[in-house]
Amino acid sequence: MGQGKELGLLTRHRPILRYDRQYDYRAASVLGAVENPGNVLRRGEGEVVARAGGEPPLSLELLASYPEELEPREDDCISMAPDVLGDARRMEGEERYAGRLYGRAVEDGARTWLQYWLWLYYNPKNLLGFGKHEGDWELIQIGLDAHGEPEFAAYSQHASGEARPFAGGEVEVVERGEGRHPVVYVASLSHACYFEPGTHVYSAIGIDHAYGDGPEDLLPVERPGSWAYWKGRWGSSEHVIAGRLGNGPPSPGRQAKWRSPAKFQASMRRRALLRLIRRAIHFLGRATYPLAPTISAQIRGRSCLIEYRLNRSPRRRSRHLYLTINEGDRVIASRIVRHAADEGSEVVLLPYHAQQVIVWGTAFNRIRQRSDLARADASTERGNG
């Protein structure tokens, strides 16, 4: 298949990404990993090979050809500068680092598979305090039938995923122009990809929230370069636990999903029973969802004062509060209030002077169930710049 035909096919079927209203940041260009000031490529023992803006400069090309005849190793990693969330949100608004999909079409098992790899700068999601890591690669995969039409889809979720057939409306599809685009609901914090909006149970006690009530992206598709086969990790391994927890992800080309799309699809199809069990757990749990908080907000200089009250009932109690400050459809700041009082106030520093923002708040209980959204419009207080 020629590159022009391949790119046309990938563009026609590329997914639509729908984010939660309190998403942290969106899929981005991988250039941010190598060009953000403060990021370094280092070896497992800490030796720096290259740095963003330094000498030699860290770049995608350097990942394929190290300086001074050095050879890439599996313990190499790209370590991000300390303000990972702030950097991700800043780069989201810069054209050079704006979102895109890294797509490929490959023949495997008598089918053509379209793979769309999503790069996200950081994964703040954790379960029982473990699981945060720099860098995140997610995958949306579509299998085409003999007529070149979508037949199956698989979405990655944490260390696993879910597969469905297009027949019977199992996959939500939106038609725009000549394209038929499957809809992907991206969970806030973890970026796991789901076929439908709402709260999703994973593992024994993990819960993702992917409501799809925030911004939507239909991103351009690019072919991945040779950097897709780099041996190292796309995120620091400095604080990894047991050699596994908290590690940055390997390059797409070094993941099993890349090597055998058909095998990945088949393994995800066997998870139908687990999906039904999770739906039942979610349905039964709705009786204990916490009530939405009450919030108000005011901009004061470069900060936002947020006052809140948690609303509780005997069965629907709140323990934590999550606040995000949005300018348009972009989250520009956030605050997690752990063990929140019945009422209180929080002062959140903004990254720059903003004249008007929307504050969204949700309450969480002990088992991580989330309330409905609460909204407060905030503008500059008279007399303050």
Protein backbone atom coordinates (compact mmCIF):
# COMPACT_ATOMS: atom_id res chain seq x y z
CA MET A 1 0.00 0.00 0.00
CA GLY A 2 1.43 3.39 -1.01
CA GLN A 3 1.96 6.01 1.69
CA GLY A 4 -0.60 8.36 0.12
CA LYS A 5 -3.30 5.68 0.06
CA GLU A 6 -2.39 4.58 3.59
CA LEU A 7 -2.64 8.11 4.96
CA GLY A 8 -5.98 8.61 3.18
CA LEU A 9 -7.35 5.43 4.75
CA LEU A 10 -6.09 6.41 8.19
CA THR A 11 -7.59 9.89 7.87
CA ARG A 12 -10.97 8.55 6.75
CA HIS A 13 -11.36 6.29 9.81
CA ARG A 14 -9.47 8.29 12.45
CA PRO A 15 -11.20 8.38 15.83
CA ILE A 16 -12.93 11.31 17.49
CA LEU A 17 -11.62 11.84 21.01
CA ARG A 18 -14.06 13.10 23.63
CA TYR A 19 -12.68 14.22 26.97
CA ASP A 20 -14.15 14.57 30.43
CA ARG A 21 -15.00 18.15 31.49
CA GLN A 22 -12.27 17.94 34.15
CA TYR A 23 -9.68 16.35 31.86
CA ASP A 24 -6.06 17.12 32.71
CA TYR A 25 -4.78 17.71 29.14
CA ARG A 26 -5.26 16.27 25.68
CA ALA A 27 -3.33 14.05 23.26
CA ALA A 28 -0.29 15.94 22.01
CA SER A 29 2.68 15.90 19.66
CA VAL A 30 5.56 13.71 20.75
CA LEU A 31 7.84 16.67 20.01
CA GLY A 32 6.99 17.99 23.48
CA ALA A 33 8.81 15.05 25.06
CA VAL A 34 12.11 15.98 23.44
CA GLU A 35 11.83 19.77 23.17
CA ASN A 36 10.32 20.88 26.48
CA PRO A 37 12.99 22.82 28.44
CA GLY A 38 14.40 20.76 31.30
CA ASN A 39 13.76 17.36 29.73
CA VAL A 40 16.76 15.03 29.45
CA LEU A 41 17.64 11.68 27.94
CA ARG A 42 19.57 9.70 30.52
CA ARG A 43 20.85 6.21 31.14
CA GLY A 44 19.73 3.95 33.95
CA GLU A 45 22.63 4.97 36.18
CA GLY A 46 21.84 8.67 35.67
CA GLU A 47 24.34 9.70 32.97
CA VAL A 48 22.80 12.38 30.72
CA VAL A 49 23.09 11.61 27.00
CA ALA A 50 21.26 14.70 25.68
CA ARG A 51 19.04 17.50 26.94
CA ALA A 52 16.34 19.67 25.39
CA GLY A 53 17.97 22.83 24.09
CA GLY A 54 21.40 21.62 25.22
CA GLU A 55 24.43 20.07 23.60
CA PRO A 56 23.90 17.61 22.13
CA PRO A 57 20.24 18.62 21.70
CA LEU A 58 17.61 16.04 22.52
CA SER A 59 15.51 15.33 19.41
CA LEU A 60 13.51 12.58 17.75
CA GLU A 61 16.37 12.08 15.30
CA LEU A 62 18.83 11.57 18.15
CA LEU A 63 16.74 8.69 19.50
CA ALA A 64 17.56 6.79 16.29
CA SER A 65 21.25 7.73 16.28
CA TYR A 66 23.03 8.51 19.56
CA PRO A 67 26.09 10.80 19.66
CA GLU A 68 29.65 9.62 20.26
CA GLU A 69 28.90 6.13 18.94
CA LEU A 70 26.75 5.34 21.98
CA GLU A 71 24.15 2.63 21.56
CA PRO A 72 20.55 2.90 22.89
CA ARG A 73 19.77 0.67 25.87
CA GLU A 74 16.53 -0.56 27.41
CA ASP A 75 17.26 1.28 30.66
CA ASP A 76 17.51 4.64 28.86
CA CYS A 77 14.64 7.02 29.54
CA ILE A 78 13.40 10.52 28.81
CA SER A 79 12.98 12.33 32.13
CA MET A 80 10.54 15.22 32.19
CA ALA A 81 11.08 18.58 33.89
CA PRO A 82 9.37 18.84 37.32
CA ASP A 83 6.19 20.74 36.34
CA VAL A 84 4.73 17.95 34.21
CA LEU A 85 1.08 19.01 34.47
CA GLY A 86 1.86 22.68 33.92
CA ASP A 87 4.09 21.90 30.94
CA ALA A 88 1.47 19.60 29.39
CA ARG A 89 -1.24 22.24 29.71
CA ARG A 90 1.02 24.97 28.33
CA MET A 91 2.08 22.93 25.30
CA GLU A 92 -1.56 22.03 24.60
CA GLY A 93 -2.04 25.66 23.57
CA GLU A 94 1.07 25.85 21.35
CA GLU A 95 0.67 24.97 17.68
CA ARG A 96 3.98 23.09 17.43
CA TYR A 97 2.98 20.70 20.20
CA ALA A 98 -0.75 20.49 19.44
CA GLY A 99 -2.43 17.10 19.30
CA ARG A 100 -2.06 14.55 16.53
CA LEU A 101 -2.44 10.83 15.98
CA TYR A 102 0.44 8.60 14.97
CA GLY A 103 -1.10 6.17 12.49
CA ARG A 104 -0.08 3.04 10.61
CA ALA A 105 -1.83 0.45 8.45
CA VAL A 106 -0.56 -3.12 8.66
CA GLU A 107 -1.59 -6.48 7.23
CA ASP A 108 -1.92 -9.19 9.89
CA GLY A 109 -4.03 -12.36 9.97
CA ALA A 110 -5.71 -11.75 6.58
CA ARG A 111 -6.95 -8.29 7.66
CA THR A 112 -5.80 -4.72 7.36
CA TRP A 113 -5.44 -3.08 10.77
CA LEU A 114 -5.41 0.66 11.31
CA GLN A 115 -3.55 1.66 14.45
CA TYR A 116 -3.73 5.14 15.98
CA TRP A 117 -1.22 5.79 18.75
CA LEU A 118 -1.93 8.67 21.16
CA TRP A 119 0.88 10.37 23.07
CA LEU A 120 0.08 11.98 26.42
CA TYR A 121 2.72 13.79 28.42
CA TYR A 122 1.94 12.44 31.89
CA ASN A 123 -0.30 9.91 33.65
CA PRO A 124 -1.27 11.20 37.11
CA LYS A 125 -3.71 8.35 37.75
CA ASN A 126 -2.84 6.09 40.66
CA LEU A 127 -4.45 3.20 42.48
CA LEU A 128 -3.71 2.96 46.21
CA GLY A 129 -0.92 5.47 45.68
CA PHE A 130 0.82 3.55 42.88
CA GLY A 131 0.73 3.95 39.12
CA LYS A 132 1.68 7.56 38.38
CA HIS A 133 4.20 7.78 35.57
CA GLU A 134 5.65 10.19 33.06
CA GLY A 135 4.54 9.66 29.49
CA ASP A 136 1.60 7.61 28.26
CA TRP A 137 0.94 5.77 25.00
CA GLU A 138 -2.65 4.74 24.24
CA LEU A 139 -3.92 2.83 21.20
CA ILE A 140 -7.09 2.86 19.10
CA GLN A 141 -7.20 -0.01 16.60
CA ILE A 142 -9.62 -0.72 13.75
CA GLY A 143 -9.81 -3.93 11.73
CA LEU A 144 -11.10 -3.63 8.15
CA ASP A 145 -13.09 -6.34 6.36
CA ALA A 146 -12.48 -7.61 2.82
CA HIS A 147 -14.27 -4.54 1.40
CA GLY A 148 -12.14 -2.09 3.36
CA GLU A 149 -14.89 -1.22 5.83
CA PRO A 150 -14.50 -1.18 9.65
CA GLU A 151 -15.41 -4.54 11.20
CA PHE A 152 -13.76 -4.56 14.63
CA ALA A 153 -12.27 -2.03 17.04
CA ALA A 154 -10.09 -2.28 20.14
CA TYR A 155 -9.30 0.47 22.62
CA SER A 156 -6.45 0.31 25.13
CA GLN A 157 -7.27 0.66 28.84
CA HIS A 158 -4.45 0.64 31.39
CA ALA A 159 -2.44 -2.57 30.86
CA SER A 160 -5.26 -4.17 28.87
CA GLY A 161 -8.23 -2.98 26.77
CA GLU A 162 -11.59 -3.79 25.22
CA ALA A 163 -12.74 -4.93 21.77
CA ARG A 164 -16.11 -4.69 20.01
CA PRO A 165 -17.58 -5.32 16.56
CA PHE A 166 -18.96 -2.41 14.56
CA ALA A 167 -22.09 -4.42 13.73
CA GLY A 168 -25.18 -3.84 15.86
CA GLY A 169 -24.16 -0.35 16.96
CA GLU A 170 -21.54 -1.70 19.37
CA VAL A 171 -19.16 1.09 18.29
CA GLU A 172 -20.44 4.67 18.22
CA VAL A 173 -19.62 6.23 14.84
CA VAL A 174 -19.88 9.82 13.61
CA GLU A 175 -19.94 10.60 9.88
CA ARG A 176 -18.26 13.83 8.79
CA GLY A 177 -17.73 14.51 5.12
CA GLU A 178 -16.33 11.32 3.62
CA GLY A 179 -15.07 10.05 6.97
CA ARG A 180 -16.63 7.55 9.40
CA HIS A 181 -15.05 8.12 12.78
CA PRO A 182 -15.39 5.87 15.84
CA VAL A 183 -15.94 7.83 19.06
CA VAL A 184 -13.50 7.36 21.93
CA TYR A 185 -14.26 8.50 25.48
CA VAL A 186 -10.95 9.38 27.14
CA ALA A 187 -10.82 9.04 30.93
CA SER A 188 -9.44 11.97 32.88
CA LEU A 189 -6.14 11.34 34.71
CA SER A 190 -5.55 7.84 33.27
CA HIS A 191 -6.38 8.50 29.57
CA ALA A 192 -7.81 4.98 29.26
CA CYS A 193 -10.06 4.79 26.18
CA TYR A 194 -13.69 3.64 26.39
CA PHE A 195 -16.50 2.91 23.92
CA GLU A 196 -19.17 4.73 25.91
CA PRO A 197 -19.35 7.64 28.37
CA GLY A 198 -19.66 7.31 32.12
CA THR A 199 -17.92 5.70 35.06
CA HIS A 200 -15.98 2.52 34.30
CA VAL A 201 -14.70 -0.08 36.74
CA TYR A 202 -11.29 -1.62 36.09
CA SER A 203 -9.32 -4.18 38.12
CA ALA A 204 -10.93 -5.02 41.46
CA ILE A 205 -11.23 -1.48 42.86
CA GLY A 206 -10.14 0.93 40.13
CA ILE A 207 -12.60 3.45 38.69
CA ASP A 208 -12.21 5.66 35.61
CA HIS A 209 -14.38 8.65 34.71
CA ALA A 210 -14.86 9.28 30.99
CA TYR A 211 -18.03 11.33 30.60
CA GLY A 212 -17.18 12.94 27.28
CA ASP A 213 -18.78 16.23 28.35
CA GLY A 214 -15.65 18.28 27.70
CA PRO A 215 -13.70 19.19 24.55
CA GLU A 216 -13.64 17.04 21.40
CA ASP A 217 -10.72 16.41 19.04
CA LEU A 218 -10.58 15.11 15.47
CA LEU A 219 -6.81 15.20 15.07
CA PRO A 220 -4.56 15.07 12.00
CA VAL A 221 -2.73 11.80 11.36
CA GLU A 222 1.04 11.46 10.96
CA ARG A 223 3.15 8.43 10.21
CA PRO A 224 5.45 7.57 13.14
CA GLY A 225 9.17 7.89 12.46
CA SER A 226 12.06 5.64 13.40
CA TRP A 227 11.74 6.96 16.97
CA ALA A 228 8.81 4.54 17.34
CA TYR A 229 11.37 1.70 17.71
CA TRP A 230 13.63 3.43 20.25
CA LYS A 231 14.71 1.00 22.99
CA GLY A 232 14.21 3.33 25.95
CA ARG A 233 11.27 4.46 28.05
CA TRP A 234 9.13 7.57 27.42
CA GLY A 235 9.27 8.74 31.02
CA SER A 236 11.59 8.66 34.01
CA SER A 237 12.36 5.34 35.70
CA GLU A 238 14.03 7.00 38.69
CA HIS A 239 11.27 6.23 41.22
CA VAL A 240 10.03 2.93 39.82
CA ILE A 241 8.83 0.38 42.37
CA ALA A 242 9.73 -3.29 41.92
CA GLY A 243 11.13 -2.51 38.48
CA ARG A 244 7.62 -2.03 37.10
CA LEU A 245 5.26 0.34 38.91
CA GLY A 246 5.65 3.94 37.78
CA ASN A 247 7.79 3.22 34.74
CA GLY A 248 7.45 5.27 31.58
CA PRO A 249 5.95 3.32 28.66
CA PRO A 250 8.08 1.60 26.01
CA SER A 251 8.05 2.88 22.45
CA PRO A 252 5.02 1.82 20.38
CA GLY A 253 7.17 -0.33 18.09
CA ARG A 254 8.36 -2.34 21.09
CA GLN A 255 4.91 -3.21 22.37
CA ALA A 256 3.09 -6.47 21.62
CA LYS A 257 0.10 -4.53 20.25
CA TRP A 258 2.32 -3.12 17.51
CA ARG A 259 3.89 -6.46 16.61
CA SER A 260 0.61 -8.37 16.30
CA PRO A 261 -2.61 -6.32 15.96
CA ALA A 262 -4.66 -9.47 15.29
CA LYS A 263 -3.47 -11.14 18.49
CA PHE A 264 -4.23 -8.02 20.51
CA GLN A 265 -7.74 -7.86 19.03
CA ALA A 266 -8.41 -11.54 19.78
CA SER A 267 -7.21 -11.26 23.37
CA MET A 268 -9.49 -8.26 24.01
CA ARG A 269 -12.57 -10.03 22.59
CA ARG A 270 -12.32 -12.62 25.35
CA ARG A 271 -13.07 -9.97 27.94
CA ALA A 272 -16.83 -9.68 27.22
CA LEU A 273 -17.86 -11.44 30.46
CA LEU A 274 -15.61 -9.17 32.51
CA ARG A 275 -17.26 -6.16 30.86
CA LEU A 276 -20.71 -7.37 31.95
CA ILE A 277 -19.52 -7.91 35.53
CA ARG A 278 -18.08 -4.40 35.65
CA ARG A 279 -21.33 -2.92 34.33
CA ALA A 280 -23.28 -4.70 37.07
CA ILE A 281 -20.90 -3.41 39.76
CA HIS A 282 -21.25 0.11 38.38
CA PHE A 283 -25.05 -0.10 38.28
CA LEU A 284 -25.32 -1.32 41.87
CA GLY A 285 -22.91 1.35 43.04
CA ARG A 286 -25.01 4.28 41.81
CA ALA A 287 -26.97 4.31 45.07
CA THR A 288 -23.90 5.57 46.92
CA TYR A 289 -22.61 8.19 44.46
CA PRO A 290 -21.69 11.37 46.38
CA LEU A 291 -23.81 14.49 45.95
CA ALA A 292 -22.45 17.38 43.88
CA PRO A 293 -20.75 20.11 45.93
CA THR A 294 -21.81 23.76 46.01
CA ILE A 295 -19.08 26.15 44.82
CA SER A 296 -18.52 29.85 44.11
CA ALA A 297 -15.42 31.51 42.71
CA GLN A 298 -13.75 34.89 42.16
CA ILE A 299 -10.54 35.89 40.34
CA ARG A 300 -8.20 37.99 42.44
CA GLY A 301 -5.11 39.07 40.55
CA ARG A 302 -3.34 35.90 39.42
CA SER A 303 -5.26 33.61 41.73
CA CYS A 304 -8.75 32.21 41.98
CA LEU A 305 -10.57 32.07 45.32
CA ILE A 306 -12.96 29.12 45.45
CA GLU A 307 -15.44 28.62 48.28
CA TYR A 308 -17.13 25.24 48.61
CA ARG A 309 -19.61 23.23 50.61
CA LEU A 310 -19.91 19.46 50.48
CA ASN A 311 -23.47 18.16 50.34
CA ARG A 312 -23.91 14.87 52.14
CA SER A 313 -26.59 12.35 53.01
CA PRO A 314 -26.29 9.14 55.05
CA ARG A 315 -25.69 7.00 51.94
CA ARG A 316 -24.12 9.59 49.64
CA ARG A 317 -21.12 10.99 51.44
CA SER A 318 -18.11 12.91 50.13
CA ARG A 319 -14.48 12.61 51.18
CA HIS A 320 -12.39 14.43 48.57
CA LEU A 321 -12.94 17.42 46.27
CA TYR A 322 -11.53 17.95 42.79
CA LEU A 323 -11.52 21.48 41.35
CA THR A 324 -10.51 22.49 37.83
CA ILE A 325 -10.25 26.00 36.41
CA ASN A 326 -11.15 26.21 32.73
CA GLU A 327 -10.56 28.99 30.24
CA GLY A 328 -12.88 28.09 27.38
CA ASP A 329 -12.54 24.32 26.99
CA ARG A 330 -8.97 24.20 28.37
CA VAL A 331 -8.07 23.27 31.94
CA ILE A 332 -5.43 25.78 33.06
CA ALA A 333 -5.18 24.86 36.77
CA SER A 334 -6.52 22.31 39.21
CA ARG A 335 -6.61 21.46 42.89
CA ILE A 336 -7.23 18.17 44.71
CA VAL A 337 -8.58 18.71 48.23
CA ARG A 338 -8.06 15.49 50.14
CA HIS A 339 -10.20 14.85 53.22
CA ALA A 340 -12.12 18.05 52.51
CA ALA A 341 -13.97 19.74 55.36
CA ASP A 342 -17.75 20.18 55.23
CA GLU A 343 -17.08 23.66 53.88
CA GLY A 344 -14.04 25.76 53.21
CA SER A 345 -12.08 27.78 50.67
CA GLU A 346 -9.12 27.21 48.36
CA VAL A 347 -6.85 29.73 46.65
CA VAL A 348 -5.51 28.37 43.34
CA LEU A 349 -2.67 30.18 41.57
CA LEU A 350 -3.33 30.72 37.86
CA PRO A 351 -0.54 30.35 35.27
CA TYR A 352 -1.26 33.86 33.97
CA HIS A 353 -3.72 36.74 34.40
CA ALA A 354 -7.17 35.60 33.26
CA GLN A 355 -10.21 37.84 33.01
CA GLN A 356 -12.86 35.15 33.12
CA VAL A 357 -12.82 31.43 33.90
CA ILE A 358 -15.22 28.62 34.75
CA VAL A 359 -14.59 26.52 37.85
CA TRP A 360 -15.84 22.94 37.86
CA GLY A 361 -16.01 20.87 41.02
CA THR A 362 -16.75 17.23 41.79
CA ALA A 363 -16.81 15.30 45.04
CA PHE A 364 -15.43 11.78 45.54
CA ASN A 365 -16.16 9.22 48.22
CA ARG A 366 -13.85 6.62 49.79
CA ILE A 367 -14.27 4.16 46.92
CA ARG A 368 -13.57 6.80 44.26
CA GLN A 369 -17.11 7.24 43.01
CA ARG A 370 -17.63 10.71 41.55
CA SER A 371 -20.49 13.17 41.94
CA ASP A 372 -22.14 15.17 39.20
CA LEU A 373 -20.43 18.41 38.18
CA ALA A 374 -20.86 21.71 40.00
CA ARG A 375 -20.11 24.95 38.12
CA ALA A 376 -19.12 28.46 39.15
CA ASP A 377 -18.39 31.36 36.77
CA ALA A 378 -15.55 33.58 37.96
CA SER A 379 -14.42 36.96 36.65
CA THR A 380 -11.89 39.57 37.70
CA GLU A 381 -12.87 41.28 40.93
CA ARG A 382 -13.50 45.01 40.35
CA GLY A 383 -10.37 46.99 41.11
CA ASN A 384 -7.96 44.06 40.57
CA GLY A 385 -5.97 43.52 37.37
